[in-house]
Amino acid sequence: MPKLKTKSGAKKRFKVTGSGKIKRKKAYKNHILTKKETKQKRRLGNKTTVKKVDEGNIKPMLPYLV
């Protein structure tokens, strides 16, 4: 069976924690930041984990997880 290639976009967007969870960046922190509150921008700066429901879509893109 051939090696599976990692999706380049997924490789850049997701990281794996030590316990095997997948980390992601939050959305809405790229542009049009002047109208957003400081508190909101600060919250959006933090990383979060991917929901269990979405992990099934992401894992095939990262063969080193499967």
PDB file of N, CA and C in Angstrom:
ATOM      1  N   MET A   1       0.837  -1.176   0.000  1.00  0.00           N
ATOM      2  CA  MET A   1       0.000   0.000   0.000  1.00  0.00           C
ATOM      3  C   MET A   1       0.887   1.248   0.000  1.00  0.00           C
ATOM      4  N   PRO A   2       0.560   2.262  -0.837  1.00  0.00           N
ATOM      5  CA  PRO A   2       1.421   3.445  -0.903  1.00  0.00           C
ATOM      6  C   PRO A   2       1.295   4.301   0.359  1.00  0.00           C
ATOM      7  N   LYS A   3       2.301   5.138   0.538  1.00  0.00           N
ATOM      8  CA  LYS A   3       2.258   6.065   1.674  1.00  0.00           C
ATOM      9  C   LYS A   3       1.161   7.089   1.440  1.00  0.00           C
ATOM     10  N   LEU A   4       0.525   7.535   2.504  1.00  0.00           N
ATOM     11  CA  LEU A   4      -0.501   8.572   2.391  1.00  0.00           C
ATOM     12  C   LEU A   4       0.151   9.931   2.534  1.00  0.00           C
ATOM     13  N   LYS A   5      -0.216  10.851   1.665  1.00  0.00           N
ATOM     14  CA  LYS A   5       0.331  12.196   1.766  1.00  0.00           C
ATOM     15  C   LYS A   5      -0.481  13.005   2.768  1.00  0.00           C
ATOM     16  N   THR A   6       0.202  13.857   3.502  1.00  0.00           N
ATOM     17  CA  THR A   6      -0.448  14.776   4.422  1.00  0.00           C
ATOM     18  C   THR A   6      -0.965  15.954   3.619  1.00  0.00           C
ATOM     19  N   LYS A   7      -2.183  16.417   3.917  1.00  0.00           N
ATOM     20  CA  LYS A   7      -2.724  17.606   3.252  1.00  0.00           C
ATOM     21  C   LYS A   7      -1.968  18.821   3.765  1.00  0.00           C
ATOM     22  N   SER A   8      -1.400  19.603   2.853  1.00  0.00           N
ATOM     23  CA  SER A   8      -0.565  20.739   3.241  1.00  0.00           C
ATOM     24  C   SER A   8      -1.337  21.763   4.063  1.00  0.00           C
ATOM     25  N   GLY A   9      -2.591  22.017   3.689  1.00  0.00           N
ATOM     26  CA  GLY A   9      -3.393  23.001   4.412  1.00  0.00           C
ATOM     27  C   GLY A   9      -3.666  22.563   5.833  1.00  0.00           C
ATOM     28  N   ALA A  10      -3.944  21.285   6.025  1.00  0.00           N
ATOM     29  CA  ALA A  10      -4.216  20.753   7.356  1.00  0.00           C
ATOM     30  C   ALA A  10      -2.949  20.760   8.200  1.00  0.00           C
ATOM     31  N   LYS A  11      -1.834  20.469   7.571  1.00  0.00           N
ATOM     32  CA  LYS A  11      -0.548  20.438   8.275  1.00  0.00           C
ATOM     33  C   LYS A  11      -0.232  21.816   8.871  1.00  0.00           C
ATOM     34  N   LYS A  12      -0.600  22.882   8.140  1.00  0.00           N
ATOM     35  CA  LYS A  12      -0.334  24.241   8.609  1.00  0.00           C
ATOM     36  C   LYS A  12      -1.334  24.697   9.669  1.00  0.00           C
ATOM     37  N   ARG A  13      -2.543  24.151   9.644  1.00  0.00           N
ATOM     38  CA  ARG A  13      -3.607  24.654  10.517  1.00  0.00           C
ATOM     39  C   ARG A  13      -3.778  23.910  11.833  1.00  0.00           C
ATOM     40  N   PHE A  14      -3.358  22.662  11.897  1.00  0.00           N
ATOM     41  CA  PHE A  14      -3.614  21.848  13.087  1.00  0.00           C
ATOM     42  C   PHE A  14      -2.331  21.311  13.692  1.00  0.00           C
ATOM     43  N   LYS A  15      -2.321  21.240  15.029  1.00  0.00           N
ATOM     44  CA  LYS A  15      -1.212  20.632  15.764  1.00  0.00           C
ATOM     45  C   LYS A  15      -1.810  19.597  16.704  1.00  0.00           C
ATOM     46  N   VAL A  16      -1.007  18.608  17.081  1.00  0.00           N
ATOM     47  CA  VAL A  16      -1.495  17.545  17.955  1.00  0.00           C
ATOM     48  C   VAL A  16      -0.887  17.724  19.348  1.00  0.00           C
ATOM     49  N   THR A  17      -1.730  17.621  20.374  1.00  0.00           N
ATOM     50  CA  THR A  17      -1.253  17.724  21.753  1.00  0.00           C
ATOM     51  C   THR A  17      -0.656  16.391  22.182  1.00  0.00           C
ATOM     52  N   GLY A  18      -0.035  16.382  23.342  1.00  0.00           N
ATOM     53  CA  GLY A  18       0.568  15.166  23.852  1.00  0.00           C
ATOM     54  C   GLY A  18      -0.445  14.074  24.109  1.00  0.00           C
ATOM     55  N   SER A  19      -1.672  14.474  24.479  1.00  0.00           N
ATOM     56  CA  SER A  19      -2.709  13.486  24.765  1.00  0.00           C
ATOM     57  C   SER A  19      -3.451  13.036  23.507  1.00  0.00           C
ATOM     58  N   GLY A  20      -3.074  13.589  22.339  1.00  0.00           N
ATOM     59  CA  GLY A  20      -3.678  13.156  21.080  1.00  0.00           C
ATOM     60  C   GLY A  20      -4.818  14.015  20.586  1.00  0.00           C
ATOM     61  N   LYS A  21      -5.140  15.082  21.319  1.00  0.00           N
ATOM     62  CA  LYS A  21      -6.185  15.997  20.850  1.00  0.00           C
ATOM     63  C   LYS A  21      -5.608  16.891  19.758  1.00  0.00           C
ATOM     64  N   ILE A  22      -6.494  17.494  18.965  1.00  0.00           N
ATOM     65  CA  ILE A  22      -6.059  18.346  17.873  1.00  0.00           C
ATOM     66  C   ILE A  22      -6.338  19.796  18.234  1.00  0.00           C
ATOM     67  N   LYS A  23      -5.290  20.639  18.142  1.00  0.00           N
ATOM     68  CA  LYS A  23      -5.435  22.060  18.437  1.00  0.00           C
ATOM     69  C   LYS A  23      -5.680  22.826  17.149  1.00  0.00           C
ATOM     70  N   ARG A  24      -6.424  23.927  17.261  1.00  0.00           N
ATOM     71  CA  ARG A  24      -6.670  24.787  16.107  1.00  0.00           C
ATOM     72  C   ARG A  24      -6.697  26.237  16.564  1.00  0.00           C
ATOM     73  N   LYS A  25      -6.560  27.138  15.596  1.00  0.00           N
ATOM     74  CA  LYS A  25      -6.641  28.567  15.855  1.00  0.00           C
ATOM     75  C   LYS A  25      -8.103  28.976  15.725  1.00  0.00           C
ATOM     76  N   LYS A  26      -8.515  29.996  16.457  1.00  0.00           N
ATOM     77  CA  LYS A  26      -9.893  30.476  16.343  1.00  0.00           C
ATOM     78  C   LYS A  26     -10.039  31.390  15.124  1.00  0.00           C
ATOM     79  N   ALA A  27     -11.246  31.464  14.607  1.00  0.00           N
ATOM     80  CA  ALA A  27     -11.529  32.282  13.425  1.00  0.00           C
ATOM     81  C   ALA A  27     -11.784  33.738  13.813  1.00  0.00           C
ATOM     82  N   TYR A  28     -11.858  34.605  12.817  1.00  0.00           N
ATOM     83  CA  TYR A  28     -12.213  36.028  12.969  1.00  0.00           C
ATOM     84  C   TYR A  28     -11.139  36.876  13.631  1.00  0.00           C
ATOM     85  N   LYS A  29      -9.871  36.502  13.482  1.00  0.00           N
ATOM     86  CA  LYS A  29      -8.809  37.309  14.082  1.00  0.00           C
ATOM     87  C   LYS A  29      -7.825  37.782  13.012  1.00  0.00           C
ATOM     88  N   ASN A  30      -8.251  37.845  11.749  1.00  0.00           N
ATOM     89  CA  ASN A  30      -7.313  38.206  10.692  1.00  0.00           C
ATOM     90  C   ASN A  30      -7.410  39.645  10.224  1.00  0.00           C
ATOM     91  N   HIS A  31      -8.585  40.146   9.998  1.00  0.00           N
ATOM     92  CA  HIS A  31      -8.706  41.516   9.500  1.00  0.00           C
ATOM     93  C   HIS A  31      -9.997  42.134  10.020  1.00  0.00           C
ATOM     94  N   ILE A  32     -10.176  43.416   9.744  1.00  0.00           N
ATOM     95  CA  ILE A  32     -11.290  44.217  10.276  1.00  0.00           C
ATOM     96  C   ILE A  32     -11.293  44.111  11.807  1.00  0.00           C
ATOM     97  N   LEU A  33     -10.140  44.378  12.398  1.00  0.00           N
ATOM     98  CA  LEU A  33     -10.005  44.253  13.850  1.00  0.00           C
ATOM     99  C   LEU A  33     -10.363  45.543  14.577  1.00  0.00           C
ATOM    100  N   THR A  34     -10.504  46.658  13.839  1.00  0.00           N
ATOM    101  CA  THR A  34     -10.771  47.945  14.496  1.00  0.00           C
ATOM    102  C   THR A  34     -12.142  47.985  15.148  1.00  0.00           C
ATOM    103  N   LYS A  35     -13.100  47.285  14.579  1.00  0.00           N
ATOM    104  CA  LYS A  35     -14.454  47.321  15.148  1.00  0.00           C
ATOM    105  C   LYS A  35     -14.697  46.251  16.206  1.00  0.00           C
ATOM    106  N   LYS A  36     -13.683  45.404  16.446  1.00  0.00           N
ATOM    107  CA  LYS A  36     -13.846  44.359  17.458  1.00  0.00           C
ATOM    108  C   LYS A  36     -13.287  44.846  18.790  1.00  0.00           C
ATOM    109  N   GLU A  37     -13.958  44.450  19.863  1.00  0.00           N
ATOM    110  CA  GLU A  37     -13.525  44.845  21.204  1.00  0.00           C
ATOM    111  C   GLU A  37     -12.185  44.190  21.549  1.00  0.00           C
ATOM    112  N   THR A  38     -11.425  44.852  22.407  1.00  0.00           N
ATOM    113  CA  THR A  38     -10.133  44.318  22.844  1.00  0.00           C
ATOM    114  C   THR A  38     -10.305  42.961  23.497  1.00  0.00           C
ATOM    115  N   LYS A  39     -11.351  42.823  24.300  1.00  0.00           N
ATOM    116  CA  LYS A  39     -11.622  41.559  24.991  1.00  0.00           C
ATOM    117  C   LYS A  39     -11.859  40.432  23.979  1.00  0.00           C
ATOM    118  N   GLN A  40     -12.612  40.742  22.931  1.00  0.00           N
ATOM    119  CA  GLN A  40     -12.898  39.731  21.915  1.00  0.00           C
ATOM    120  C   GLN A  40     -11.619  39.319  21.188  1.00  0.00           C
ATOM    121  N   LYS A  41     -10.787  40.303  20.830  1.00  0.00           N
ATOM    122  CA  LYS A  41      -9.540  39.993  20.127  1.00  0.00           C
ATOM    123  C   LYS A  41      -8.603  39.166  21.008  1.00  0.00           C
ATOM    124  N   ARG A  42      -8.599  39.466  22.290  1.00  0.00           N
ATOM    125  CA  ARG A  42      -7.757  38.720  23.227  1.00  0.00           C
ATOM    126  C   ARG A  42      -8.219  37.267  23.320  1.00  0.00           C
ATOM    127  N   ARG A  43      -9.528  37.065  23.390  1.00  0.00           N
ATOM    128  CA  ARG A  43     -10.100  35.716  23.445  1.00  0.00           C
ATOM    129  C   ARG A  43      -9.798  34.936  22.171  1.00  0.00           C
ATOM    130  N   LEU A  44      -9.886  35.610  21.028  1.00  0.00           N
ATOM    131  CA  LEU A  44      -9.652  34.941  19.750  1.00  0.00           C
ATOM    132  C   LEU A  44      -8.184  34.564  19.541  1.00  0.00           C
ATOM    133  N   GLY A  45      -7.287  35.156  20.313  1.00  0.00           N
ATOM    134  CA  GLY A  45      -5.873  34.848  20.191  1.00  0.00           C
ATOM    135  C   GLY A  45      -5.519  33.486  20.743  1.00  0.00           C
ATOM    136  N   ASN A  46      -6.346  32.962  21.638  1.00  0.00           N
ATOM    137  CA  ASN A  46      -6.060  31.677  22.269  1.00  0.00           C
ATOM    138  C   ASN A  46      -6.363  30.518  21.328  1.00  0.00           C
ATOM    139  N   LYS A  47      -5.596  29.455  21.473  1.00  0.00           N
ATOM    140  CA  LYS A  47      -5.868  28.237  20.711  1.00  0.00           C
ATOM    141  C   LYS A  47      -6.956  27.443  21.426  1.00  0.00           C
ATOM    142  N   THR A  48      -7.614  26.568  20.688  1.00  0.00           N
ATOM    143  CA  THR A  48      -8.648  25.714  21.271  1.00  0.00           C
ATOM    144  C   THR A  48      -8.550  24.333  20.641  1.00  0.00           C
ATOM    145  N   THR A  49      -9.262  23.372  21.199  1.00  0.00           N
ATOM    146  CA  THR A  49      -9.218  22.025  20.631  1.00  0.00           C
ATOM    147  C   THR A  49     -10.382  21.829  19.668  1.00  0.00           C
ATOM    148  N   VAL A  50     -10.185  20.936  18.738  1.00  0.00           N
ATOM    149  CA  VAL A  50     -11.212  20.605  17.755  1.00  0.00           C
ATOM    150  C   VAL A  50     -12.276  19.749  18.443  1.00  0.00           C
ATOM    151  N   LYS A  51     -13.531  19.965  18.097  1.00  0.00           N
ATOM    152  CA  LYS A  51     -14.624  19.174  18.666  1.00  0.00           C
ATOM    153  C   LYS A  51     -14.506  17.723  18.204  1.00  0.00           C
ATOM    154  N   LYS A  52     -15.013  16.824  19.036  1.00  0.00           N
ATOM    155  CA  LYS A  52     -14.958  15.385  18.752  1.00  0.00           C
ATOM    156  C   LYS A  52     -15.641  15.060  17.418  1.00  0.00           C
ATOM    157  N   VAL A  53     -16.717  15.781  17.113  1.00  0.00           N
ATOM    158  CA  VAL A  53     -17.488  15.552  15.882  1.00  0.00           C
ATOM    159  C   VAL A  53     -16.642  15.812  14.639  1.00  0.00           C
ATOM    160  N   ASP A  54     -15.763  16.833  14.704  1.00  0.00           N
ATOM    161  CA  ASP A  54     -14.971  17.226  13.539  1.00  0.00           C
ATOM    162  C   ASP A  54     -13.655  16.469  13.413  1.00  0.00           C
ATOM    163  N   GLU A  55     -13.256  15.765  14.468  1.00  0.00           N
ATOM    164  CA  GLU A  55     -11.981  15.050  14.416  1.00  0.00           C
ATOM    165  C   GLU A  55     -11.961  14.006  13.302  1.00  0.00           C
ATOM    166  N   GLY A  56     -13.104  13.407  13.006  1.00  0.00           N
ATOM    167  CA  GLY A  56     -13.192  12.406  11.947  1.00  0.00           C
ATOM    168  C   GLY A  56     -12.866  12.960  10.579  1.00  0.00           C
ATOM    169  N   ASN A  57     -13.118  14.262  10.375  1.00  0.00           N
ATOM    170  CA  ASN A  57     -12.796  14.897   9.095  1.00  0.00           C
ATOM    171  C   ASN A  57     -11.323  15.274   9.006  1.00  0.00           C
ATOM    172  N   ILE A  58     -10.726  15.586  10.135  1.00  0.00           N
ATOM    173  CA  ILE A  58      -9.352  16.088  10.139  1.00  0.00           C
ATOM    174  C   ILE A  58      -8.329  14.961  10.159  1.00  0.00           C
ATOM    175  N   LYS A  59      -8.609  13.889  10.889  1.00  0.00           N
ATOM    176  CA  LYS A  59      -7.635  12.801  11.034  1.00  0.00           C
ATOM    177  C   LYS A  59      -7.182  12.188   9.703  1.00  0.00           C
ATOM    178  N   PRO A  60      -8.066  11.962   8.726  1.00  0.00           N
ATOM    179  CA  PRO A  60      -7.583  11.416   7.444  1.00  0.00           C
ATOM    180  C   PRO A  60      -6.630  12.354   6.707  1.00  0.00           C
ATOM    181  N   MET A  61      -6.711  13.658   6.983  1.00  0.00           N
ATOM    182  CA  MET A  61      -5.815  14.615   6.336  1.00  0.00           C
ATOM    183  C   MET A  61      -4.424  14.582   6.939  1.00  0.00           C
ATOM    184  N   LEU A  62      -4.320  14.053   8.159  1.00  0.00           N
ATOM    185  CA  LEU A  62      -3.032  13.952   8.856  1.00  0.00           C
ATOM    186  C   LEU A  62      -2.733  12.481   9.110  1.00  0.00           C
ATOM    187  N   PRO A  63      -2.125  11.792   8.148  1.00  0.00           N
ATOM    188  CA  PRO A  63      -1.934  10.337   8.264  1.00  0.00           C
ATOM    189  C   PRO A  63      -1.154   9.900   9.499  1.00  0.00           C
ATOM    190  N   TYR A  64      -0.319  10.783  10.065  1.00  0.00           N
ATOM    191  CA  TYR A  64       0.455  10.385  11.235  1.00  0.00           C
ATOM    192  C   TYR A  64      -0.418  10.265  12.476  1.00  0.00           C
ATOM    193  N   LEU A  65      -1.713  10.618  12.381  1.00  0.00           N
ATOM    194  CA  LEU A  65      -2.648  10.443  13.487  1.00  0.00           C
ATOM    195  C   LEU A  65      -3.396   9.124  13.400  1.00  0.00           C
ATOM    196  N   VAL A  66      -3.582   8.631  12.186  1.00  0.00           N
ATOM    197  CA  VAL A  66      -4.424   7.447  11.978  1.00  0.00           C
ATOM    198  C   VAL A  66      -3.733   6.175  12.409  1.00  0.00           C
TER     199      VAL A  66
END
